[in-house]
Amino acid sequence: MLHAGLSLQTQELTAIFLAVRLCCSLTMENDIHTFLDFATLASTLWVVYMIRCKLQATYNEDLDDIQKYYLVTC
């Protein structure tokens, strides 16, 4: 059984979603949810950084084959 682990591409899509959500939250609400959105975005960006830079040797790009373009444009 092959375990692929955490998907870098899924984390990048999550970061895009959270960045848009944070922008909307800043313009509309500006309450505790804004802080929570920022904290979640920061931790997601940290995970992306760790996968891309610190844990690059353990990342298997062949197993991470999600079609980001299709998901973003739908």
PDB file of N, CA and C in Angstrom:
ATOM      1  N   MET A   1       0.841  -1.176   0.000  1.00  0.00           N
ATOM      2  CA  MET A   1       0.000   0.000   0.000  1.00  0.00           C
ATOM      3  C   MET A   1       0.888   1.241   0.000  1.00  0.00           C
ATOM      4  N   LEU A   2       0.611   2.154  -0.918  1.00  0.00           N
ATOM      5  CA  LEU A   2       1.419   3.355  -1.088  1.00  0.00           C
ATOM      6  C   LEU A   2       0.738   4.546  -0.417  1.00  0.00           C
ATOM      7  N   HIS A   3       1.452   5.236   0.463  1.00  0.00           N
ATOM      8  CA  HIS A   3       0.926   6.416   1.130  1.00  0.00           C
ATOM      9  C   HIS A   3       1.580   7.648   0.524  1.00  0.00           C
ATOM     10  N   ALA A   4       0.772   8.565   0.029  1.00  0.00           N
ATOM     11  CA  ALA A   4       1.307   9.739  -0.656  1.00  0.00           C
ATOM     12  C   ALA A   4       1.610  10.875   0.307  1.00  0.00           C
ATOM     13  N   GLY A   5       0.952  10.959   1.433  1.00  0.00           N
ATOM     14  CA  GLY A   5       1.213  12.030   2.382  1.00  0.00           C
ATOM     15  C   GLY A   5       0.432  13.287   2.056  1.00  0.00           C
ATOM     16  N   LEU A   6       0.926  14.413   2.531  1.00  0.00           N
ATOM     17  CA  LEU A   6       0.261  15.699   2.371  1.00  0.00           C
ATOM     18  C   LEU A   6       0.509  16.246   0.970  1.00  0.00           C
ATOM     19  N   SER A   7      -0.526  16.722   0.324  1.00  0.00           N
ATOM     20  CA  SER A   7      -0.423  17.219  -1.038  1.00  0.00           C
ATOM     21  C   SER A   7      -0.030  18.695  -1.044  1.00  0.00           C
ATOM     22  N   LEU A   8       1.079  19.012  -1.698  1.00  0.00           N
ATOM     23  CA  LEU A   8       1.520  20.395  -1.836  1.00  0.00           C
ATOM     24  C   LEU A   8       0.516  21.191  -2.650  1.00  0.00           C
ATOM     25  N   GLN A   9       0.015  20.605  -3.703  1.00  0.00           N
ATOM     26  CA  GLN A   9      -0.927  21.322  -4.552  1.00  0.00           C
ATOM     27  C   GLN A   9      -2.231  21.629  -3.816  1.00  0.00           C
ATOM     28  N   THR A  10      -2.706  20.725  -2.998  1.00  0.00           N
ATOM     29  CA  THR A  10      -3.902  20.983  -2.212  1.00  0.00           C
ATOM     30  C   THR A  10      -3.652  22.099  -1.210  1.00  0.00           C
ATOM     31  N   GLN A  11      -2.480  22.127  -0.614  1.00  0.00           N
ATOM     32  CA  GLN A  11      -2.139  23.202   0.325  1.00  0.00           C
ATOM     33  C   GLN A  11      -2.073  24.552  -0.397  1.00  0.00           C
ATOM     34  N   GLU A  12      -1.553  24.565  -1.609  1.00  0.00           N
ATOM     35  CA  GLU A  12      -1.505  25.809  -2.379  1.00  0.00           C
ATOM     36  C   GLU A  12      -2.907  26.294  -2.737  1.00  0.00           C
ATOM     37  N   LEU A  13      -3.793  25.384  -3.110  1.00  0.00           N
ATOM     38  CA  LEU A  13      -5.184  25.762  -3.379  1.00  0.00           C
ATOM     39  C   LEU A  13      -5.870  26.286  -2.121  1.00  0.00           C
ATOM     40  N   THR A  14      -5.596  25.663  -0.999  1.00  0.00           N
ATOM     41  CA  THR A  14      -6.151  26.132   0.272  1.00  0.00           C
ATOM     42  C   THR A  14      -5.649  27.528   0.591  1.00  0.00           C
ATOM     43  N   ALA A  15      -4.375  27.804   0.327  1.00  0.00           N
ATOM     44  CA  ALA A  15      -3.818  29.141   0.569  1.00  0.00           C
ATOM     45  C   ALA A  15      -4.490  30.179  -0.315  1.00  0.00           C
ATOM     46  N   ILE A  16      -4.757  29.851  -1.572  1.00  0.00           N
ATOM     47  CA  ILE A  16      -5.456  30.782  -2.459  1.00  0.00           C
ATOM     48  C   ILE A  16      -6.852  31.079  -1.924  1.00  0.00           C
ATOM     49  N   PHE A  17      -7.567  30.034  -1.547  1.00  0.00           N
ATOM     50  CA  PHE A  17      -8.911  30.203  -0.991  1.00  0.00           C
ATOM     51  C   PHE A  17      -8.882  31.074   0.261  1.00  0.00           C
ATOM     52  N   LEU A  18      -7.943  30.803   1.155  1.00  0.00           N
ATOM     53  CA  LEU A  18      -7.873  31.560   2.404  1.00  0.00           C
ATOM     54  C   LEU A  18      -7.476  33.014   2.171  1.00  0.00           C
ATOM     55  N   ALA A  19      -6.628  33.267   1.178  1.00  0.00           N
ATOM     56  CA  ALA A  19      -6.246  34.645   0.863  1.00  0.00           C
ATOM     57  C   ALA A  19      -7.453  35.438   0.362  1.00  0.00           C
ATOM     58  N   VAL A  20      -8.256  34.834  -0.492  1.00  0.00           N
ATOM     59  CA  VAL A  20      -9.472  35.503  -0.975  1.00  0.00           C
ATOM     60  C   VAL A  20     -10.448  35.707   0.176  1.00  0.00           C
ATOM     61  N   ARG A  21     -10.589  34.711   1.012  1.00  0.00           N
ATOM     62  CA  ARG A  21     -11.494  34.824   2.169  1.00  0.00           C
ATOM     63  C   ARG A  21     -11.035  35.924   3.119  1.00  0.00           C
ATOM     64  N   LEU A  22      -9.721  36.036   3.325  1.00  0.00           N
ATOM     65  CA  LEU A  22      -9.182  37.070   4.196  1.00  0.00           C
ATOM     66  C   LEU A  22      -9.441  38.456   3.617  1.00  0.00           C
ATOM     67  N   CYS A  23      -9.268  38.619   2.323  1.00  0.00           N
ATOM     68  CA  CYS A  23      -9.555  39.917   1.685  1.00  0.00           C
ATOM     69  C   CYS A  23     -11.018  40.300   1.872  1.00  0.00           C
ATOM     70  N   CYS A  24     -11.913  39.353   1.663  1.00  0.00           N
ATOM     71  CA  CYS A  24     -13.346  39.625   1.863  1.00  0.00           C
ATOM     72  C   CYS A  24     -13.638  39.925   3.325  1.00  0.00           C
ATOM     73  N   SER A  25     -13.012  39.197   4.211  1.00  0.00           N
ATOM     74  CA  SER A  25     -13.231  39.404   5.638  1.00  0.00           C
ATOM     75  C   SER A  25     -12.742  40.778   6.081  1.00  0.00           C
ATOM     76  N   LEU A  26     -11.627  41.242   5.513  1.00  0.00           N
ATOM     77  CA  LEU A  26     -11.099  42.561   5.869  1.00  0.00           C
ATOM     78  C   LEU A  26     -12.033  43.678   5.409  1.00  0.00           C
ATOM     79  N   THR A  27     -12.657  43.509   4.258  1.00  0.00           N
ATOM     80  CA  THR A  27     -13.519  44.567   3.732  1.00  0.00           C
ATOM     81  C   THR A  27     -14.929  44.534   4.299  1.00  0.00           C
ATOM     82  N   MET A  28     -15.412  43.366   4.710  1.00  0.00           N
ATOM     83  CA  MET A  28     -16.803  43.256   5.143  1.00  0.00           C
ATOM     84  C   MET A  28     -16.987  43.139   6.655  1.00  0.00           C
ATOM     85  N   GLU A  29     -16.176  42.329   7.305  1.00  0.00           N
ATOM     86  CA  GLU A  29     -16.440  42.005   8.704  1.00  0.00           C
ATOM     87  C   GLU A  29     -15.465  42.683   9.654  1.00  0.00           C
ATOM     88  N   ASN A  30     -14.182  42.371   9.482  1.00  0.00           N
ATOM     89  CA  ASN A  30     -13.127  42.895  10.350  1.00  0.00           C
ATOM     90  C   ASN A  30     -13.398  42.584  11.829  1.00  0.00           C
ATOM     91  N   ASP A  31     -13.629  41.309  12.118  1.00  0.00           N
ATOM     92  CA  ASP A  31     -13.880  40.870  13.484  1.00  0.00           C
ATOM     93  C   ASP A  31     -12.946  39.706  13.820  1.00  0.00           C
ATOM     94  N   ILE A  32     -13.336  38.879  14.786  1.00  0.00           N
ATOM     95  CA  ILE A  32     -12.486  37.776  15.219  1.00  0.00           C
ATOM     96  C   ILE A  32     -12.234  36.777  14.088  1.00  0.00           C
ATOM     97  N   HIS A  33     -13.194  36.646  13.172  1.00  0.00           N
ATOM     98  CA  HIS A  33     -13.018  35.722  12.057  1.00  0.00           C
ATOM     99  C   HIS A  33     -11.892  36.181  11.131  1.00  0.00           C
ATOM    100  N   THR A  34     -11.679  37.481  11.047  1.00  0.00           N
ATOM    101  CA  THR A  34     -10.567  38.007  10.257  1.00  0.00           C
ATOM    102  C   THR A  34      -9.240  37.527  10.834  1.00  0.00           C
ATOM    103  N   PHE A  35      -9.102  37.596  12.139  1.00  0.00           N
ATOM    104  CA  PHE A  35      -7.890  37.107  12.794  1.00  0.00           C
ATOM    105  C   PHE A  35      -7.722  35.607  12.585  1.00  0.00           C
ATOM    106  N   LEU A  36      -8.804  34.864  12.700  1.00  0.00           N
ATOM    107  CA  LEU A  36      -8.737  33.411  12.505  1.00  0.00           C
ATOM    108  C   LEU A  36      -8.372  33.062  11.060  1.00  0.00           C
ATOM    109  N   ASP A  37      -8.919  33.814  10.103  1.00  0.00           N
ATOM    110  CA  ASP A  37      -8.557  33.594   8.702  1.00  0.00           C
ATOM    111  C   ASP A  37      -7.070  33.880   8.483  1.00  0.00           C
ATOM    112  N   PHE A  38      -6.566  34.937   9.092  1.00  0.00           N
ATOM    113  CA  PHE A  38      -5.151  35.270   8.960  1.00  0.00           C
ATOM    114  C   PHE A  38      -4.272  34.176   9.569  1.00  0.00           C
ATOM    115  N   ALA A  39      -4.647  33.696  10.741  1.00  0.00           N
ATOM    116  CA  ALA A  39      -3.863  32.644  11.402  1.00  0.00           C
ATOM    117  C   ALA A  39      -3.860  31.355  10.582  1.00  0.00           C
ATOM    118  N   THR A  40      -5.005  31.014  10.012  1.00  0.00           N
ATOM    119  CA  THR A  40      -5.095  29.809   9.190  1.00  0.00           C
ATOM    120  C   THR A  40      -4.271  29.960   7.916  1.00  0.00           C
ATOM    121  N   LEU A  41      -4.325  31.142   7.287  1.00  0.00           N
ATOM    122  CA  LEU A  41      -3.526  31.393   6.089  1.00  0.00           C
ATOM    123  C   LEU A  41      -2.036  31.322   6.417  1.00  0.00           C
ATOM    124  N   ALA A  42      -1.638  31.913   7.529  1.00  0.00           N
ATOM    125  CA  ALA A  42      -0.222  31.894   7.914  1.00  0.00           C
ATOM    126  C   ALA A  42       0.270  30.466   8.140  1.00  0.00           C
ATOM    127  N   SER A  43      -0.520  29.646   8.805  1.00  0.00           N
ATOM    128  CA  SER A  43      -0.087  28.267   9.052  1.00  0.00           C
ATOM    129  C   SER A  43      -0.079  27.447   7.767  1.00  0.00           C
ATOM    130  N   THR A  44      -1.013  27.710   6.860  1.00  0.00           N
ATOM    131  CA  THR A  44      -1.017  27.010   5.575  1.00  0.00           C
ATOM    132  C   THR A  44       0.200  27.405   4.746  1.00  0.00           C
ATOM    133  N   LEU A  45       0.544  28.695   4.745  1.00  0.00           N
ATOM    134  CA  LEU A  45       1.736  29.143   4.019  1.00  0.00           C
ATOM    135  C   LEU A  45       3.005  28.562   4.633  1.00  0.00           C
ATOM    136  N   TRP A  46       3.007  28.364   5.949  1.00  0.00           N
ATOM    137  CA  TRP A  46       4.153  27.728   6.602  1.00  0.00           C
ATOM    138  C   TRP A  46       4.298  26.281   6.132  1.00  0.00           C
ATOM    139  N   VAL A  47       3.191  25.572   6.015  1.00  0.00           N
ATOM    140  CA  VAL A  47       3.228  24.186   5.532  1.00  0.00           C
ATOM    141  C   VAL A  47       3.748  24.152   4.093  1.00  0.00           C
ATOM    142  N   VAL A  48       3.276  25.075   3.240  1.00  0.00           N
ATOM    143  CA  VAL A  48       3.754  25.139   1.857  1.00  0.00           C
ATOM    144  C   VAL A  48       5.259  25.411   1.832  1.00  0.00           C
ATOM    145  N   TYR A  49       5.715  26.342   2.650  1.00  0.00           N
ATOM    146  CA  TYR A  49       7.143  26.648   2.733  1.00  0.00           C
ATOM    147  C   TYR A  49       7.949  25.416   3.160  1.00  0.00           C
ATOM    148  N   MET A  50       7.471  24.733   4.176  1.00  0.00           N
ATOM    149  CA  MET A  50       8.185  23.551   4.668  1.00  0.00           C
ATOM    150  C   MET A  50       8.279  22.472   3.583  1.00  0.00           C
ATOM    151  N   ILE A  51       7.188  22.236   2.855  1.00  0.00           N
ATOM    152  CA  ILE A  51       7.210  21.213   1.810  1.00  0.00           C
ATOM    153  C   ILE A  51       8.148  21.626   0.680  1.00  0.00           C
ATOM    154  N   ARG A  52       8.081  22.892   0.273  1.00  0.00           N
ATOM    155  CA  ARG A  52       8.893  23.362  -0.861  1.00  0.00           C
ATOM    156  C   ARG A  52      10.377  23.504  -0.521  1.00  0.00           C
ATOM    157  N   CYS A  53      10.699  23.904   0.703  1.00  0.00           N
ATOM    158  CA  CYS A  53      12.094  24.237   1.028  1.00  0.00           C
ATOM    159  C   CYS A  53      12.761  23.229   1.962  1.00  0.00           C
ATOM    160  N   LYS A  54      12.211  23.031   3.124  1.00  0.00           N
ATOM    161  CA  LYS A  54      12.867  22.211   4.144  1.00  0.00           C
ATOM    162  C   LYS A  54      12.699  20.708   3.920  1.00  0.00           C
ATOM    163  N   LEU A  55      11.544  20.297   3.408  1.00  0.00           N
ATOM    164  CA  LEU A  55      11.263  18.870   3.234  1.00  0.00           C
ATOM    165  C   LEU A  55      11.241  18.473   1.765  1.00  0.00           C
ATOM    166  N   GLN A  56      11.926  19.220   0.937  1.00  0.00           N
ATOM    167  CA  GLN A  56      11.900  18.998  -0.505  1.00  0.00           C
ATOM    168  C   GLN A  56      12.369  17.592  -0.887  1.00  0.00           C
ATOM    169  N   ALA A  57      13.308  17.046  -0.158  1.00  0.00           N
ATOM    170  CA  ALA A  57      13.831  15.718  -0.479  1.00  0.00           C
ATOM    171  C   ALA A  57      12.790  14.621  -0.275  1.00  0.00           C
ATOM    172  N   THR A  58      11.799  14.856   0.571  1.00  0.00           N
ATOM    173  CA  THR A  58      10.782  13.841   0.838  1.00  0.00           C
ATOM    174  C   THR A  58       9.534  14.022  -0.015  1.00  0.00           C
ATOM    175  N   TYR A  59       9.467  15.114  -0.780  1.00  0.00           N
ATOM    176  CA  TYR A  59       8.287  15.389  -1.605  1.00  0.00           C
ATOM    177  C   TYR A  59       8.372  14.619  -2.910  1.00  0.00           C
ATOM    178  N   ASN A  60       7.329  13.868  -3.229  1.00  0.00           N
ATOM    179  CA  ASN A  60       7.267  13.083  -4.458  1.00  0.00           C
ATOM    180  C   ASN A  60       6.241  13.717  -5.384  1.00  0.00           C
ATOM    181  N   GLU A  61       6.733  14.485  -6.343  1.00  0.00           N
ATOM    182  CA  GLU A  61       5.855  15.229  -7.247  1.00  0.00           C
ATOM    183  C   GLU A  61       5.005  14.298  -8.119  1.00  0.00           C
ATOM    184  N   ASP A  62       5.495  13.116  -8.400  1.00  0.00           N
ATOM    185  CA  ASP A  62       4.750  12.168  -9.232  1.00  0.00           C
ATOM    186  C   ASP A  62       3.439  11.729  -8.584  1.00  0.00           C
ATOM    187  N   LEU A  63       3.385  11.690  -7.279  1.00  0.00           N
ATOM    188  CA  LEU A  63       2.170  11.271  -6.579  1.00  0.00           C
ATOM    189  C   LEU A  63       1.196  12.430  -6.340  1.00  0.00           C
ATOM    190  N   ASP A  64       1.643  13.644  -6.575  1.00  0.00           N
ATOM    191  CA  ASP A  64       0.824  14.838  -6.335  1.00  0.00           C
ATOM    192  C   ASP A  64       0.363  15.386  -7.683  1.00  0.00           C
ATOM    193  N   ASP A  65      -0.647  14.753  -8.250  1.00  0.00           N
ATOM    194  CA  ASP A  65      -1.023  15.041  -9.631  1.00  0.00           C
ATOM    195  C   ASP A  65      -2.414  15.653  -9.782  1.00  0.00           C
ATOM    196  N   ILE A  66      -2.844  16.461  -8.838  1.00  0.00           N
ATOM    197  CA  ILE A  66      -4.136  17.126  -8.924  1.00  0.00           C
ATOM    198  C   ILE A  66      -4.072  18.213 -10.008  1.00  0.00           C
ATOM    199  N   GLN A  67      -5.151  18.411 -10.710  1.00  0.00           N
ATOM    200  CA  GLN A  67      -5.210  19.413 -11.770  1.00  0.00           C
ATOM    201  C   GLN A  67      -5.700  20.736 -11.186  1.00  0.00           C
ATOM    202  N   LYS A  68      -4.773  21.578 -10.758  1.00  0.00           N
ATOM    203  CA  LYS A  68      -5.137  22.849 -10.121  1.00  0.00           C
ATOM    204  C   LYS A  68      -5.891  23.765 -11.076  1.00  0.00           C
ATOM    205  N   TYR A  69      -5.475  23.838 -12.320  1.00  0.00           N
ATOM    206  CA  TYR A  69      -6.111  24.746 -13.270  1.00  0.00           C
ATOM    207  C   TYR A  69      -7.595  24.425 -13.405  1.00  0.00           C
ATOM    208  N   TYR A  70      -7.931  23.154 -13.466  1.00  0.00           N
ATOM    209  CA  TYR A  70      -9.329  22.741 -13.595  1.00  0.00           C
ATOM    210  C   TYR A  70     -10.126  23.156 -12.357  1.00  0.00           C
ATOM    211  N   LEU A  71      -9.560  22.985 -11.191  1.00  0.00           N
ATOM    212  CA  LEU A  71     -10.278  23.322  -9.959  1.00  0.00           C
ATOM    213  C   LEU A  71     -10.468  24.828  -9.796  1.00  0.00           C
ATOM    214  N   VAL A  72      -9.467  25.622 -10.168  1.00  0.00           N
ATOM    215  CA  VAL A  72      -9.541  27.069  -9.997  1.00  0.00           C
ATOM    216  C   VAL A  72     -10.523  27.696 -10.975  1.00  0.00           C
ATOM    217  N   THR A  73     -10.620  27.156 -12.185  1.00  0.00           N
ATOM    218  CA  THR A  73     -11.486  27.754 -13.200  1.00  0.00           C
ATOM    219  C   THR A  73     -12.932  27.297 -13.108  1.00  0.00           C
ATOM    220  N   CYS A  74     -13.232  26.288 -12.340  1.00  0.00           N
ATOM    221  CA  CYS A  74     -14.621  25.810 -12.255  1.00  0.00           C
ATOM    222  C   CYS A  74     -15.485  26.639 -11.398  1.00  0.00           C
TER     223      CYS A  74
END
